[in-house]
PDB file of N, CA and C in Angstrom:
ATOM      1  N   MET A   1      -7.811  -7.251  -5.554  1.00  0.00           N
ATOM      2  CA  MET A   1      -7.328  -7.898  -4.966  1.00  0.00           C
ATOM      3  C   MET A   1      -6.148  -8.759  -6.176  1.00  0.00           C
ATOM      4  N   SER A   2      -5.052  -9.086  -6.372  1.00  0.00           N
ATOM      5  CA  SER A   2      -4.335  -9.763  -7.119  1.00  0.00           C
ATOM      6  C   SER A   2      -4.595 -11.179  -6.309  1.00  0.00           C
ATOM      7  N   GLU A   3      -3.975 -12.308  -7.628  1.00  0.00           N
ATOM      8  CA  GLU A   3      -3.911 -13.766  -7.041  1.00  0.00           C
ATOM      9  C   GLU A   3      -3.351 -13.898  -6.141  1.00  0.00           C
ATOM     10  N   ARG A   4      -2.065 -13.212  -5.933  1.00  0.00           N
ATOM     11  CA  ARG A   4      -1.055 -13.527  -5.439  1.00  0.00           C
ATOM     12  C   ARG A   4      -1.458 -12.768  -3.748  1.00  0.00           C
ATOM     13  N   ALA A   5      -1.932 -11.629  -3.354  1.00  0.00           N
ATOM     14  CA  ALA A   5      -2.527 -11.180  -2.283  1.00  0.00           C
ATOM     15  C   ALA A   5      -3.724 -11.861  -1.876  1.00  0.00           C
ATOM     16  N   LYS A   6      -4.573 -12.410  -2.704  1.00  0.00           N
ATOM     17  CA  LYS A   6      -5.318 -13.805  -1.815  1.00  0.00           C
ATOM     18  C   LYS A   6      -4.591 -14.543  -1.572  1.00  0.00           C
ATOM     19  N   TYR A   7      -3.974 -15.289  -2.219  1.00  0.00           N
ATOM     20  CA  TYR A   7      -3.058 -16.500  -1.376  1.00  0.00           C
ATOM     21  C   TYR A   7      -2.500 -16.134  -0.387  1.00  0.00           C
ATOM     22  N   TRP A   8      -2.035 -14.999  -0.187  1.00  0.00           N
ATOM     23  CA  TRP A   8      -1.216 -14.679   1.028  1.00  0.00           C
ATOM     24  C   TRP A   8      -2.273 -14.597   2.414  1.00  0.00           C
ATOM     25  N   GLN A   9      -3.220 -13.668   1.502  1.00  0.00           N
ATOM     26  CA  GLN A   9      -4.428 -13.685   2.668  1.00  0.00           C
ATOM     27  C   GLN A   9      -4.761 -14.663   3.360  1.00  0.00           C
ATOM     28  N   ARG A  10      -5.215 -15.801   2.383  1.00  0.00           N
ATOM     29  CA  ARG A  10      -5.322 -17.183   2.863  1.00  0.00           C
ATOM     30  C   ARG A  10      -4.680 -17.990   4.039  1.00  0.00           C
ATOM     31  N   LEU A  11      -3.045 -17.810   3.718  1.00  0.00           N
ATOM     32  CA  LEU A  11      -2.251 -18.172   4.536  1.00  0.00           C
ATOM     33  C   LEU A  11      -2.089 -17.659   6.066  1.00  0.00           C
ATOM     34  N   VAL A  12      -2.481 -16.307   6.025  1.00  0.00           N
ATOM     35  CA  VAL A  12      -2.261 -15.421   7.103  1.00  0.00           C
ATOM     36  C   VAL A  12      -3.548 -15.622   7.800  1.00  0.00           C
ATOM     37  N   GLY A  13      -4.711 -16.050   7.148  1.00  0.00           N
ATOM     38  CA  GLY A  13      -5.744 -16.322   8.049  1.00  0.00           C
ATOM     39  C   GLY A  13      -5.455 -17.888   8.621  1.00  0.00           C
ATOM     40  N   ALA A  14      -4.868 -18.854   7.747  1.00  0.00           N
ATOM     41  CA  ALA A  14      -4.674 -20.040   8.331  1.00  0.00           C
ATOM     42  C   ALA A  14      -3.859 -19.947   9.654  1.00  0.00           C
ATOM     43  N   TRP A  15      -2.631 -19.309   9.303  1.00  0.00           N
ATOM     44  CA  TRP A  15      -1.878 -19.374  10.645  1.00  0.00           C
ATOM     45  C   TRP A  15      -2.406 -18.618  11.788  1.00  0.00           C
ATOM     46  N   GLN A  16      -3.112 -17.328  11.509  1.00  0.00           N
ATOM     47  CA  GLN A  16      -4.310 -16.661  12.625  1.00  0.00           C
ATOM     48  C   GLN A  16      -5.091 -17.862  13.161  1.00  0.00           C
ATOM     49  N   ARG A  17      -5.717 -18.865  12.593  1.00  0.00           N
ATOM     50  CA  ARG A  17      -6.517 -19.853  13.168  1.00  0.00           C
ATOM     51  C   ARG A  17      -5.621 -21.107  13.937  1.00  0.00           C
ATOM     52  N   SER A  18      -4.547 -21.071  13.325  1.00  0.00           N
ATOM     53  CA  SER A  18      -3.582 -22.393  13.900  1.00  0.00           C
ATOM     54  C   SER A  18      -3.012 -22.257  14.939  1.00  0.00           C
ATOM     55  N   GLY A  19      -3.104 -21.414  15.928  1.00  0.00           N
ATOM     56  CA  GLY A  19      -2.605 -21.074  16.974  1.00  0.00           C
ATOM     57  C   GLY A  19      -0.909 -21.439  17.313  1.00  0.00           C
ATOM     58  N   LEU A  20      -0.510 -21.790  16.123  1.00  0.00           N
ATOM     59  CA  LEU A  20       0.847 -21.226  15.778  1.00  0.00           C
ATOM     60  C   LEU A  20       1.625 -20.413  16.062  1.00  0.00           C
ATOM     61  N   SER A  21       2.689 -20.391  16.702  1.00  0.00           N
ATOM     62  CA  SER A  21       3.354 -19.204  16.365  1.00  0.00           C
ATOM     63  C   SER A  21       3.891 -19.029  14.845  1.00  0.00           C
ATOM     64  N   GLN A  22       4.326 -17.883  14.500  1.00  0.00           N
ATOM     65  CA  GLN A  22       4.620 -17.399  13.272  1.00  0.00           C
ATOM     66  C   GLN A  22       5.971 -18.312  12.689  1.00  0.00           C
ATOM     67  N   ALA A  23       6.635 -18.577  13.342  1.00  0.00           N
ATOM     68  CA  ALA A  23       8.043 -19.375  12.957  1.00  0.00           C
ATOM     69  C   ALA A  23       7.689 -20.906  12.639  1.00  0.00           C
ATOM     70  N   ALA A  24       6.884 -21.407  13.573  1.00  0.00           N
ATOM     71  CA  ALA A  24       6.094 -22.691  13.747  1.00  0.00           C
ATOM     72  C   ALA A  24       5.727 -22.591  12.119  1.00  0.00           C
ATOM     73  N   PHE A  25       4.727 -22.209  12.226  1.00  0.00           N
ATOM     74  CA  PHE A  25       3.680 -22.011  11.007  1.00  0.00           C
ATOM     75  C   PHE A  25       4.434 -21.877   9.505  1.00  0.00           C
ATOM     76  N   CYS A  26       5.036 -21.133   9.535  1.00  0.00           N
ATOM     77  CA  CYS A  26       6.215 -21.339   8.392  1.00  0.00           C
ATOM     78  C   CYS A  26       7.115 -22.614   8.147  1.00  0.00           C
ATOM     79  N   ARG A  27       7.449 -23.033   9.208  1.00  0.00           N
ATOM     80  CA  ARG A  27       8.357 -24.170   9.219  1.00  0.00           C
ATOM     81  C   ARG A  27       7.265 -25.393   8.734  1.00  0.00           C
ATOM     82  N   GLN A  28       6.357 -25.506   8.875  1.00  0.00           N
ATOM     83  CA  GLN A  28       4.866 -26.309   8.716  1.00  0.00           C
ATOM     84  C   GLN A  28       4.613 -26.388   7.589  1.00  0.00           C
ATOM     85  N   GLN A  29       4.699 -24.995   6.676  1.00  0.00           N
ATOM     86  CA  GLN A  29       4.243 -24.695   5.320  1.00  0.00           C
ATOM     87  C   GLN A  29       5.565 -24.586   4.531  1.00  0.00           C
ATOM     88  N   GLY A  30       6.592 -24.768   5.286  1.00  0.00           N
ATOM     89  CA  GLY A  30       7.438 -24.470   3.976  1.00  0.00           C
ATOM     90  C   GLY A  30       7.744 -23.042   3.409  1.00  0.00           C
ATOM     91  N   LEU A  31       7.521 -22.222   4.625  1.00  0.00           N
ATOM     92  CA  LEU A  31       7.375 -20.725   3.972  1.00  0.00           C
ATOM     93  C   LEU A  31       8.803 -19.979   4.519  1.00  0.00           C
ATOM     94  N   SER A  32       9.109 -18.987   3.953  1.00  0.00           N
ATOM     95  CA  SER A  32      10.157 -18.409   4.094  1.00  0.00           C
ATOM     96  C   SER A  32       9.338 -17.216   5.480  1.00  0.00           C
ATOM     97  N   PRO A  33       9.851 -17.283   6.689  1.00  0.00           N
ATOM     98  CA  PRO A  33       9.109 -16.331   7.738  1.00  0.00           C
ATOM     99  C   PRO A  33       9.525 -15.042   7.214  1.00  0.00           C
ATOM    100  N   VAL A  34      10.448 -14.314   6.613  1.00  0.00           N
ATOM    101  CA  VAL A  34      10.664 -12.902   6.405  1.00  0.00           C
ATOM    102  C   VAL A  34       9.748 -12.542   5.029  1.00  0.00           C
ATOM    103  N   THR A  35       9.364 -13.413   4.272  1.00  0.00           N
ATOM    104  CA  THR A  35       8.119 -13.161   3.457  1.00  0.00           C
ATOM    105  C   THR A  35       6.667 -13.452   3.750  1.00  0.00           C
ATOM    106  N   PHE A  36       6.697 -14.373   4.881  1.00  0.00           N
ATOM    107  CA  PHE A  36       5.594 -14.317   5.610  1.00  0.00           C
ATOM    108  C   PHE A  36       5.224 -13.390   6.296  1.00  0.00           C
ATOM    109  N   SER A  37       5.864 -12.592   7.042  1.00  0.00           N
ATOM    110  CA  SER A  37       5.779 -11.366   8.021  1.00  0.00           C
ATOM    111  C   SER A  37       5.744 -10.114   6.922  1.00  0.00           C
ATOM    112  N   SER A  38       6.253 -10.019   5.746  1.00  0.00           N
ATOM    113  CA  SER A  38       6.309  -9.002   5.062  1.00  0.00           C
ATOM    114  C   SER A  38       4.593  -9.138   4.319  1.00  0.00           C
ATOM    115  N   TRP A  39       4.285 -10.209   4.150  1.00  0.00           N
ATOM    116  CA  TRP A  39       2.857 -10.257   3.642  1.00  0.00           C
ATOM    117  C   TRP A  39       1.659 -10.059   4.865  1.00  0.00           C
ATOM    118  N   ARG A  40       1.988 -10.845   6.072  1.00  0.00           N
ATOM    119  CA  ARG A  40       1.199 -10.449   7.081  1.00  0.00           C
ATOM    120  C   ARG A  40       0.913  -9.279   7.431  1.00  0.00           C
ATOM    121  N   HIS A  41       2.319  -7.796   7.150  1.00  0.00           N
ATOM    122  CA  HIS A  41       2.021  -7.136   7.541  1.00  0.00           C
ATOM    123  C   HIS A  41       1.206  -6.150   6.660  1.00  0.00           C
ATOM    124  N   ARG A  42       1.333  -6.509   5.007  1.00  0.00           N
ATOM    125  CA  ARG A  42       0.495  -6.074   4.004  1.00  0.00           C
ATOM    126  C   ARG A  42      -1.044  -6.380   4.267  1.00  0.00           C
ATOM    127  N   ILE A  43      -1.510  -7.587   4.820  1.00  0.00           N
ATOM    128  CA  ILE A  43      -2.879  -7.681   4.856  1.00  0.00           C
ATOM    129  C   ILE A  43      -3.411  -7.513   5.704  1.00  0.00           C
ATOM    130  N   THR A  44      -2.598  -7.269   6.942  1.00  0.00           N
ATOM    131  CA  THR A  44      -3.130  -6.823   8.197  1.00  0.00           C
ATOM    132  C   THR A  44      -3.145  -5.188   8.760  1.00  0.00           C
ATOM    133  N   SER A  45      -2.270  -4.668   7.733  1.00  0.00           N
ATOM    134  CA  SER A  45      -2.244  -3.190   8.018  1.00  0.00           C
ATOM    135  C   SER A  45      -3.312  -2.546   7.700  1.00  0.00           C
ATOM    136  N   PRO A  46      -4.105  -1.165   8.664  1.00  0.00           N
ATOM    137  CA  PRO A  46      -5.060  -0.362   8.147  1.00  0.00           C
ATOM    138  C   PRO A  46      -5.087   0.187   6.901  1.00  0.00           C
ATOM    139  N   ALA A  47      -3.689   0.477   6.383  1.00  0.00           N
ATOM    140  CA  ALA A  47      -3.810   1.150   4.908  1.00  0.00           C
ATOM    141  C   ALA A  47      -4.216  -0.049   3.774  1.00  0.00           C
ATOM    142  N   ALA A  48      -3.785  -1.350   4.366  1.00  0.00           N
ATOM    143  CA  ALA A  48      -4.507  -1.975   3.358  1.00  0.00           C
ATOM    144  C   ALA A  48      -5.481  -2.042   2.717  1.00  0.00           C
ATOM    145  N   ALA A  49      -6.702  -1.456   3.524  1.00  0.00           N
ATOM    146  CA  ALA A  49      -8.286  -1.127   3.053  1.00  0.00           C
ATOM    147  C   ALA A  49      -8.494  -0.380   2.485  1.00  0.00           C
ATOM    148  N   VAL A  50      -7.388   0.599   1.962  1.00  0.00           N
ATOM    149  CA  VAL A  50      -7.485   1.982   1.146  1.00  0.00           C
ATOM    150  C   VAL A  50      -7.009   1.529  -0.048  1.00  0.00           C
ATOM    151  N   PRO A  51      -7.424   2.101  -0.994  1.00  0.00           N
ATOM    152  CA  PRO A  51      -6.948   2.068  -2.505  1.00  0.00           C
ATOM    153  C   PRO A  51      -5.856   2.820  -2.604  1.00  0.00           C
ATOM    154  N   LYS A  52      -4.905   1.933  -3.004  1.00  0.00           N
ATOM    155  CA  LYS A  52      -3.414   2.271  -3.298  1.00  0.00           C
ATOM    156  C   LYS A  52      -3.029   3.992  -3.857  1.00  0.00           C
ATOM    157  N   ALA A  53      -4.083   4.250  -4.663  1.00  0.00           N
ATOM    158  CA  ALA A  53      -3.685   5.193  -5.550  1.00  0.00           C
ATOM    159  C   ALA A  53      -4.699   6.631  -4.405  1.00  0.00           C
ATOM    160  N   ARG A  54      -5.055   6.362  -3.214  1.00  0.00           N
ATOM    161  CA  ARG A  54      -5.630   7.051  -2.130  1.00  0.00           C
ATOM    162  C   ARG A  54      -4.863   7.287  -0.981  1.00  0.00           C
ATOM    163  N   ARG A  55      -3.862   6.658  -0.945  1.00  0.00           N
ATOM    164  CA  ARG A  55      -2.758   6.622   0.115  1.00  0.00           C
ATOM    165  C   ARG A  55      -1.742   8.007   0.195  1.00  0.00           C
ATOM    166  N   PHE A  56      -2.476   9.155   0.588  1.00  0.00           N
ATOM    167  CA  PHE A  56      -1.655  10.106   0.600  1.00  0.00           C
ATOM    168  C   PHE A  56      -1.172  10.680   1.961  1.00  0.00           C
ATOM    169  N   VAL A  57       0.048  11.376   2.198  1.00  0.00           N
ATOM    170  CA  VAL A  57       0.599  11.390   3.077  1.00  0.00           C
ATOM    171  C   VAL A  57       0.104  12.775   3.527  1.00  0.00           C
ATOM    172  N   GLU A  58       0.625  13.835   2.680  1.00  0.00           N
ATOM    173  CA  GLU A  58       0.507  15.154   2.991  1.00  0.00           C
ATOM    174  C   GLU A  58       0.240  15.944   1.422  1.00  0.00           C
ATOM    175  N   VAL A  59      -0.690  16.665   1.637  1.00  0.00           N
ATOM    176  CA  VAL A  59      -0.897  17.952   0.507  1.00  0.00           C
ATOM    177  C   VAL A  59      -0.948  19.091   0.671  1.00  0.00           C
ATOM    178  N   ALA A  60      -0.357  20.111  -0.096  1.00  0.00           N
ATOM    179  CA  ALA A  60      -0.024  21.173   0.157  1.00  0.00           C
ATOM    180  C   ALA A  60       0.430  22.293  -1.187  1.00  0.00           C
ATOM    181  N   LEU A  61       0.212  23.776  -0.471  1.00  0.00           N
ATOM    182  CA  LEU A  61      -0.212  24.335  -1.466  1.00  0.00           C
ATOM    183  C   LEU A  61       1.547  24.483  -2.166  1.00  0.00           C
ATOM    184  N   ALA A  62       2.308  24.215  -3.574  1.00  0.00           N
ATOM    185  CA  ALA A  62       3.218  24.564  -3.535  1.00  0.00           C
ATOM    186  C   ALA A  62       3.987  25.845  -3.120  1.00  0.00           C
ATOM    187  N   ARG A  63       5.230  25.928  -3.353  1.00  0.00           N
ATOM    188  CA  ARG A  63       5.709  27.395  -2.172  1.00  0.00           C
ATOM    189  C   ARG A  63       5.697  28.020  -3.876  1.00  0.00           C
ATOM    190  N   GLY A  64       5.451  29.394  -3.476  1.00  0.00           N
ATOM    191  CA  GLY A  64       5.138  30.312  -4.402  1.00  0.00           C
ATOM    192  C   GLY A  64       4.389  30.295  -5.173  1.00  0.00           C
ATOM    193  N   GLU A  65       3.221  29.545  -5.007  1.00  0.00           N
ATOM    194  CA  GLU A  65       2.497  29.731  -6.570  1.00  0.00           C
ATOM    195  C   GLU A  65       1.307  29.166  -5.507  1.00  0.00           C
ATOM    196  N   ARG A  66       0.120  29.911  -5.974  1.00  0.00           N
ATOM    197  CA  ARG A  66      -1.279  29.902  -5.621  1.00  0.00           C
ATOM    198  C   ARG A  66      -2.180  28.687  -6.579  1.00  0.00           C
ATOM    199  N   ASP A  67      -1.708  28.165  -7.831  1.00  0.00           N
ATOM    200  CA  ASP A  67      -2.402  27.805  -8.428  1.00  0.00           C
ATOM    201  C   ASP A  67      -2.155  26.084  -8.979  1.00  0.00           C
ATOM    202  N   ALA A  68      -1.522  25.756  -8.016  1.00  0.00           N
ATOM    203  CA  ALA A  68      -0.468  24.335  -8.124  1.00  0.00           C
ATOM    204  C   ALA A  68      -0.738  23.652  -6.580  1.00  0.00           C
ATOM    205  N   TYR A  69      -0.743  22.229  -6.784  1.00  0.00           N
ATOM    206  CA  TYR A  69      -0.823  21.621  -5.505  1.00  0.00           C
ATOM    207  C   TYR A  69       0.306  20.342  -5.628  1.00  0.00           C
ATOM    208  N   GLU A  70       0.784  20.342  -4.646  1.00  0.00           N
ATOM    209  CA  GLU A  70       1.865  19.365  -4.328  1.00  0.00           C
ATOM    210  C   GLU A  70       1.363  18.116  -3.551  1.00  0.00           C
ATOM    211  N   VAL A  71       1.456  16.854  -4.006  1.00  0.00           N
ATOM    212  CA  VAL A  71       1.100  15.830  -2.789  1.00  0.00           C
ATOM    213  C   VAL A  71       2.092  14.673  -2.885  1.00  0.00           C
ATOM    214  N   THR A  72       2.759  14.482  -1.695  1.00  0.00           N
ATOM    215  CA  THR A  72       3.573  13.801  -1.177  1.00  0.00           C
ATOM    216  C   THR A  72       3.178  12.378  -1.059  1.00  0.00           C
ATOM    217  N   LEU A  73       3.638  11.396  -1.205  1.00  0.00           N
ATOM    218  CA  LEU A  73       3.153   9.990  -1.289  1.00  0.00           C
ATOM    219  C   LEU A  73       3.984   9.236  -0.319  1.00  0.00           C
ATOM    220  N   ARG A  74       3.409   8.155   0.164  1.00  0.00           N
ATOM    221  CA  ARG A  74       4.310   7.353   1.380  1.00  0.00           C
ATOM    222  C   ARG A  74       5.773   7.285   0.784  1.00  0.00           C
ATOM    223  N   CYS A  75       5.766   6.870  -0.468  1.00  0.00           N
ATOM    224  CA  CYS A  75       7.121   6.299  -1.050  1.00  0.00           C
ATOM    225  C   CYS A  75       8.081   7.564  -0.788  1.00  0.00           C
ATOM    226  N   GLY A  76       7.747   8.732  -0.680  1.00  0.00           N
ATOM    227  CA  GLY A  76       8.450   9.714  -0.637  1.00  0.00           C
ATOM    228  C   GLY A  76       8.346  10.614  -1.873  1.00  0.00           C
ATOM    229  N   ARG A  77       7.671  10.005  -3.154  1.00  0.00           N
ATOM    230  CA  ARG A  77       7.751  10.833  -4.307  1.00  0.00           C
ATOM    231  C   ARG A  77       6.699  11.862  -4.428  1.00  0.00           C
ATOM    232  N   THR A  78       6.749  12.671  -4.902  1.00  0.00           N
ATOM    233  CA  THR A  78       6.108  14.434  -4.817  1.00  0.00           C
ATOM    234  C   THR A  78       5.427  14.098  -6.543  1.00  0.00           C
ATOM    235  N   VAL A  79       4.095  14.600  -6.036  1.00  0.00           N
ATOM    236  CA  VAL A  79       3.536  15.160  -7.226  1.00  0.00           C
ATOM    237  C   VAL A  79       2.970  16.703  -7.610  1.00  0.00           C
ATOM    238  N   ARG A  80       3.445  17.317  -8.639  1.00  0.00           N
ATOM    239  CA  ARG A  80       2.780  18.389  -8.830  1.00  0.00           C
ATOM    240  C   ARG A  80       1.537  18.597  -9.597  1.00  0.00           C
ATOM    241  N   VAL A  81       0.649  19.050  -9.248  1.00  0.00           N
ATOM    242  CA  VAL A  81      -0.497  19.582 -10.630  1.00  0.00           C
ATOM    243  C   VAL A  81      -1.170  20.698 -10.106  1.00  0.00           C
ATOM    244  N   PRO A  82      -1.463  21.247 -11.629  1.00  0.00           N
ATOM    245  CA  PRO A  82      -2.056  22.772 -11.392  1.00  0.00           C
ATOM    246  C   PRO A  82      -3.633  22.727 -10.344  1.00  0.00           C
ATOM    247  N   ALA A  83      -4.069  23.616 -10.083  1.00  0.00           N
ATOM    248  CA  ALA A  83      -5.204  23.589  -9.407  1.00  0.00           C
ATOM    249  C   ALA A  83      -6.422  23.411 -10.206  1.00  0.00           C
ATOM    250  N   GLY A  84      -7.280  22.482 -10.015  1.00  0.00           N
ATOM    251  CA  GLY A  84      -8.242  22.120 -10.991  1.00  0.00           C
ATOM    252  C   GLY A  84      -8.180  20.845 -11.517  1.00  0.00           C
ATOM    253  N   PHE A  85      -6.984  20.178 -11.425  1.00  0.00           N
ATOM    254  CA  PHE A  85      -6.926  19.120 -11.665  1.00  0.00           C
ATOM    255  C   PHE A  85      -8.009  17.866 -11.403  1.00  0.00           C
ATOM    256  N   GLN A  86      -8.538  17.157 -12.624  1.00  0.00           N
ATOM    257  CA  GLN A  86      -9.477  16.238 -11.984  1.00  0.00           C
ATOM    258  C   GLN A  86      -8.793  15.191 -10.810  1.00  0.00           C
ATOM    259  N   ALA A  87      -9.836  14.891  -9.867  1.00  0.00           N
ATOM    260  CA  ALA A  87      -9.363  13.825  -8.980  1.00  0.00           C
ATOM    261  C   ALA A  87      -9.035  12.535  -9.697  1.00  0.00           C
ATOM    262  N   ASP A  88     -10.069  12.289 -10.374  1.00  0.00           N
ATOM    263  CA  ASP A  88      -9.719  10.960 -11.346  1.00  0.00           C
ATOM    264  C   ASP A  88      -8.386  11.208 -11.898  1.00  0.00           C
ATOM    265  N   ASP A  89      -8.037  11.857 -12.635  1.00  0.00           N
ATOM    266  CA  ASP A  89      -6.718  11.848 -13.407  1.00  0.00           C
ATOM    267  C   ASP A  89      -5.725  11.811 -12.260  1.00  0.00           C
ATOM    268  N   LEU A  90      -6.011  12.187 -11.236  1.00  0.00           N
ATOM    269  CA  LEU A  90      -4.788  12.528  -9.810  1.00  0.00           C
ATOM    270  C   LEU A  90      -4.747  11.293  -9.699  1.00  0.00           C
ATOM    271  N   ALA A  91      -5.789  10.386  -9.743  1.00  0.00           N
ATOM    272  CA  ALA A  91      -5.374   8.969  -8.758  1.00  0.00           C
ATOM    273  C   ALA A  91      -5.142   8.249  -9.832  1.00  0.00           C
ATOM    274  N   ARG A  92      -5.378   8.530 -11.296  1.00  0.00           N
ATOM    275  CA  ARG A  92      -4.329   7.393 -12.157  1.00  0.00           C
ATOM    276  C   ARG A  92      -3.041   8.034 -12.426  1.00  0.00           C
ATOM    277  N   LEU A  93      -2.750   9.359 -12.339  1.00  0.00           N
ATOM    278  CA  LEU A  93      -1.208   9.881 -12.168  1.00  0.00           C
ATOM    279  C   LEU A  93      -0.398   9.095 -11.066  1.00  0.00           C
ATOM    280  N   ILE A  94      -0.975   9.383  -9.966  1.00  0.00           N
ATOM    281  CA  ILE A  94      -0.749   8.248  -8.382  1.00  0.00           C
ATOM    282  C   ILE A  94      -0.545   7.155  -8.717  1.00  0.00           C
ATOM    283  N   ALA A  95      -1.383   6.547  -9.409  1.00  0.00           N
ATOM    284  CA  ALA A  95      -0.969   4.680  -9.713  1.00  0.00           C
ATOM    285  C   ALA A  95       0.324   4.795 -10.832  1.00  0.00           C
ATOM    286  N   ALA A  96      -0.165   5.373 -11.430  1.00  0.00           N
ATOM    287  CA  ALA A  96       1.413   5.320 -12.434  1.00  0.00           C
ATOM    288  C   ALA A  96       2.677   5.563 -11.611  1.00  0.00           C
ATOM    289  N   VAL A  97       2.843   6.595 -11.033  1.00  0.00           N
ATOM    290  CA  VAL A  97       4.184   6.876 -10.484  1.00  0.00           C
ATOM    291  C   VAL A  97       4.270   5.607  -9.265  1.00  0.00           C
ATOM    292  N   GLU A  98       3.465   5.487  -8.405  1.00  0.00           N
ATOM    293  CA  GLU A  98       3.673   4.562  -7.200  1.00  0.00           C
ATOM    294  C   GLU A  98       3.972   3.030  -8.122  1.00  0.00           C
ATOM    295  N   SER A  99       3.602   2.520  -9.403  1.00  0.00           N
ATOM    296  CA  SER A  99       3.915   1.270 -10.170  1.00  0.00           C
ATOM    297  C   SER A  99       5.713   1.390 -10.568  1.00  0.00           C
ATOM    298  N   CYS A 100       5.970   2.294 -10.616  1.00  0.00           N
ATOM    299  CA  CYS A 100       7.501   2.412 -10.900  1.00  0.00           C
ATOM    300  C   CYS A 100       8.407   2.023  -9.830  1.00  0.00           C
TER     301      CYS A 100
END
C-alpha cells in the first residue's frame, strides 16, 4: 500500500471513530469532501482488499479462436492473450495496462 493510501486510511479511520458527519469531519480537518469521499470509497470497498492485477470482470474465449483468451477489465480495457500464457506474466501485463 502506498504512503498516500496509508494516509487516507488513517483519516478514514479517524472519521469513523469521530462520530462526526463526513462533512463536519472534512471541515474540521480542512479536507475536500469530494476527495475524502473518493478515498473513503477506495479504502472501504471490498475490492480494496484484492490485489489490483487480480480484479477481473470477465474472462471468455476470443470469438472465432479456441487458442486465445480475452480478459475485460473493470476499466473497460480488453487484454487478449494466447492459451498457455503464464498467469504471473498476465498479472504483470494487466498491471501495466491499468497503470496507463
